[in-house]
Amino acid sequence: MRSPALLLSLALPCTVLLAQDPANNAQKAERLVKAAVAFANANGVDKLIQQTNNADGRFHVGSGSQLYIFVYEFSGVCRAIGYDTQKLVGVNRWDLKDPDGKFFLREIIAMAKGKGSGWIDYKYTNPQTGRIQAKTSYVERVGDLVVGAGIYKD
């Protein structure tokens, strides 16, 4: 039988690898969105928006809000976002393009309106690094809103 200390020493590197695994981060993003949708269904969209716009709210994961929820109206107006709320909340971002010219918010909204949920790939400026990076976001429809969370791929 192996000692608990040896088992712990073997488990720690696995934990570090899981934290850096994009598939694991994608699962975290999807679980966060599903939790936000369940919260909105149980408590109302206004409470979800309040929690999302609060830097200490329940839908921020990791230091520096590495994983956060965003909420948009189908018109493209940002209702809530986990970073830079002063600049982004209330702004219509319908015409927002990534560096390749992709209208990714339109695709996010179309996904929510059509299939109801799914993944969208695009490029976006990482608020932590200031660099444009490949990103994928999982989104779900809640009434006439889209709720999502994304991860940076590189």
Protein backbone atom coordinates (compact mmCIF):
# COMPACT_ATOMS: atom_id res chain seq x y z
CA MET A 1 0.00 0.00 0.00
CA ARG A 2 1.27 3.45 -0.90
CA SER A 3 1.63 6.14 1.70
CA PRO A 4 -0.81 9.10 1.68
CA ALA A 5 2.14 11.47 1.18
CA LEU A 6 3.24 9.58 -1.95
CA LEU A 7 -0.31 9.59 -3.34
CA LEU A 8 -0.60 13.32 -2.69
CA SER A 9 2.74 13.98 -4.41
CA LEU A 10 1.48 12.06 -7.45
CA ALA A 11 -1.87 13.87 -7.46
CA LEU A 12 -0.53 17.43 -7.31
CA PRO A 13 1.07 17.42 -10.78
CA CYS A 14 -2.20 16.02 -12.18
CA THR A 15 -4.09 18.89 -10.57
CA VAL A 16 -1.75 21.41 -12.19
CA LEU A 17 -2.20 19.72 -15.57
CA LEU A 18 -5.98 19.77 -15.20
CA ALA A 19 -5.92 23.46 -14.37
CA GLN A 20 -4.05 24.10 -17.63
CA ASP A 21 -6.09 21.66 -19.76
CA PRO A 22 -8.24 23.58 -22.30
CA ALA A 23 -10.85 20.80 -22.34
CA ASN A 24 -11.17 21.06 -18.56
CA ASN A 25 -11.48 24.85 -18.82
CA ALA A 26 -14.17 24.41 -21.49
CA GLN A 27 -16.08 22.16 -19.11
CA LYS A 28 -15.74 24.82 -16.40
CA ALA A 29 -17.11 27.48 -18.77
CA GLU A 30 -20.06 25.31 -19.75
CA ARG A 31 -20.82 24.45 -16.10
CA LEU A 32 -20.64 28.14 -15.18
CA VAL A 33 -23.16 29.03 -17.90
CA LYS A 34 -25.48 26.21 -16.86
CA ALA A 35 -25.26 27.38 -13.23
CA ALA A 36 -26.03 30.96 -14.32
CA VAL A 37 -29.03 29.80 -16.37
CA ALA A 38 -30.33 27.74 -13.45
CA PHE A 39 -29.83 30.75 -11.16
CA ALA A 40 -31.73 33.01 -13.59
CA ASN A 41 -34.57 30.50 -13.85
CA ALA A 42 -34.80 30.22 -10.06
CA ASN A 43 -34.17 33.86 -9.06
CA GLY A 44 -34.88 35.94 -12.15
CA VAL A 45 -32.72 37.52 -14.83
CA ASP A 46 -32.34 40.77 -12.88
CA LYS A 47 -30.60 38.92 -10.04
CA LEU A 48 -28.32 37.15 -12.54
CA ILE A 49 -27.39 40.50 -14.08
CA GLN A 50 -26.71 41.95 -10.63
CA GLN A 51 -24.47 39.01 -9.68
CA THR A 52 -22.65 39.13 -13.02
CA ASN A 53 -21.90 42.85 -12.84
CA ASN A 54 -20.62 42.50 -9.27
CA ALA A 55 -16.87 41.78 -9.25
CA ASP A 56 -17.41 39.70 -6.10
CA GLY A 57 -20.50 38.00 -7.53
CA ARG A 58 -21.07 34.29 -7.65
CA PHE A 59 -20.33 33.97 -11.38
CA HIS A 60 -16.63 34.90 -11.32
CA VAL A 61 -14.14 32.03 -11.09
CA GLY A 62 -10.43 32.43 -10.40
CA SER A 63 -8.29 35.39 -9.56
CA GLY A 64 -8.72 38.41 -11.79
CA SER A 65 -12.01 37.04 -13.13
CA GLN A 66 -10.35 34.46 -15.37
CA LEU A 67 -13.76 32.95 -16.05
CA TYR A 68 -16.88 35.09 -16.02
CA ILE A 69 -20.40 35.31 -17.41
CA PHE A 70 -21.63 37.73 -20.05
CA VAL A 71 -25.29 38.53 -20.79
CA TYR A 72 -26.53 40.16 -24.00
CA GLU A 73 -29.90 41.15 -25.36
CA PHE A 74 -30.70 39.77 -28.82
CA SER A 75 -30.28 43.33 -30.11
CA GLY A 76 -26.58 43.23 -29.11
CA VAL A 77 -26.84 45.37 -25.97
CA CYS A 78 -24.57 44.17 -23.18
CA ARG A 79 -26.63 43.75 -20.01
CA ALA A 80 -23.89 42.25 -17.85
CA ILE A 81 -20.27 41.21 -18.13
CA GLY A 82 -17.67 40.01 -15.68
CA TYR A 83 -15.11 42.70 -16.44
CA ASP A 84 -15.02 46.39 -17.37
CA THR A 85 -18.69 46.84 -16.54
CA GLN A 86 -18.36 50.64 -16.49
CA LYS A 87 -17.43 50.72 -20.19
CA LEU A 88 -19.43 47.79 -21.58
CA VAL A 89 -22.78 47.47 -19.79
CA GLY A 90 -25.52 49.22 -21.74
CA VAL A 91 -23.45 49.40 -24.93
CA ASN A 92 -24.83 47.96 -28.17
CA ARG A 93 -22.03 45.75 -29.52
CA TRP A 94 -23.95 44.27 -32.49
CA ASP A 95 -21.30 45.45 -34.98
CA LEU A 96 -18.37 44.16 -32.92
CA LYS A 97 -15.87 42.26 -35.08
CA ASP A 98 -12.83 40.23 -34.20
CA PRO A 99 -9.50 41.02 -35.94
CA ASP A 100 -10.43 38.68 -38.80
CA GLY A 101 -13.66 40.59 -39.47
CA LYS A 102 -15.93 38.00 -37.88
CA PHE A 103 -19.16 39.41 -36.35
CA PHE A 104 -18.88 37.00 -33.45
CA LEU A 105 -21.56 38.56 -31.26
CA ARG A 106 -24.05 38.15 -34.10
CA GLU A 107 -23.03 34.48 -34.30
CA ILE A 108 -23.41 34.09 -30.54
CA ILE A 109 -26.91 35.57 -30.68
CA ALA A 110 -27.86 33.48 -33.73
CA MET A 111 -26.71 30.33 -31.91
CA ALA A 112 -28.80 31.18 -28.85
CA LYS A 113 -31.87 32.08 -30.93
CA GLY A 114 -31.52 29.03 -33.19
CA LYS A 115 -30.18 25.95 -31.46
CA GLY A 116 -30.55 27.43 -27.97
CA SER A 117 -26.98 26.64 -26.95
CA GLY A 118 -23.54 25.86 -28.33
CA TRP A 119 -19.93 26.94 -28.85
CA ILE A 120 -18.64 29.86 -30.94
CA ASP A 121 -14.96 30.42 -31.86
CA TYR A 122 -13.49 33.88 -32.42
CA LYS A 123 -10.59 36.12 -31.43
CA TYR A 124 -10.80 38.59 -28.56
CA THR A 125 -8.53 40.74 -26.42
CA ASN A 126 -7.74 38.93 -23.19
CA PRO A 127 -8.44 41.47 -20.42
CA GLN A 128 -5.67 39.99 -18.27
CA THR A 129 -2.88 40.07 -20.86
CA GLY A 130 -4.09 42.75 -23.29
CA ARG A 131 -3.25 40.35 -26.16
CA ILE A 132 -5.64 39.23 -28.89
CA GLN A 133 -6.12 35.50 -28.49
CA ALA A 134 -8.22 32.69 -29.92
CA LYS A 135 -11.30 32.25 -27.75
CA THR A 136 -14.28 29.93 -27.61
CA SER A 137 -17.49 30.68 -25.74
CA TYR A 138 -20.33 28.46 -24.64
CA VAL A 139 -23.71 30.21 -24.79
CA GLU A 140 -27.29 29.44 -23.81
CA ARG A 141 -30.57 31.22 -24.33
CA VAL A 142 -32.52 32.52 -21.34
CA GLY A 143 -35.75 34.10 -22.57
CA ASP A 144 -34.72 36.91 -24.92
CA LEU A 145 -31.15 36.99 -23.65
CA VAL A 146 -27.99 35.06 -24.31
CA VAL A 147 -25.79 34.00 -21.38
CA GLY A 148 -22.25 32.84 -22.04
CA ALA A 149 -18.73 32.28 -20.77
CA GLY A 150 -15.55 31.82 -22.76
CA ILE A 151 -12.04 30.54 -22.48
CA TYR A 152 -8.86 31.57 -24.24
CA LYS A 153 -7.31 28.79 -26.27
CA ASP A 154 -3.65 29.85 -26.19
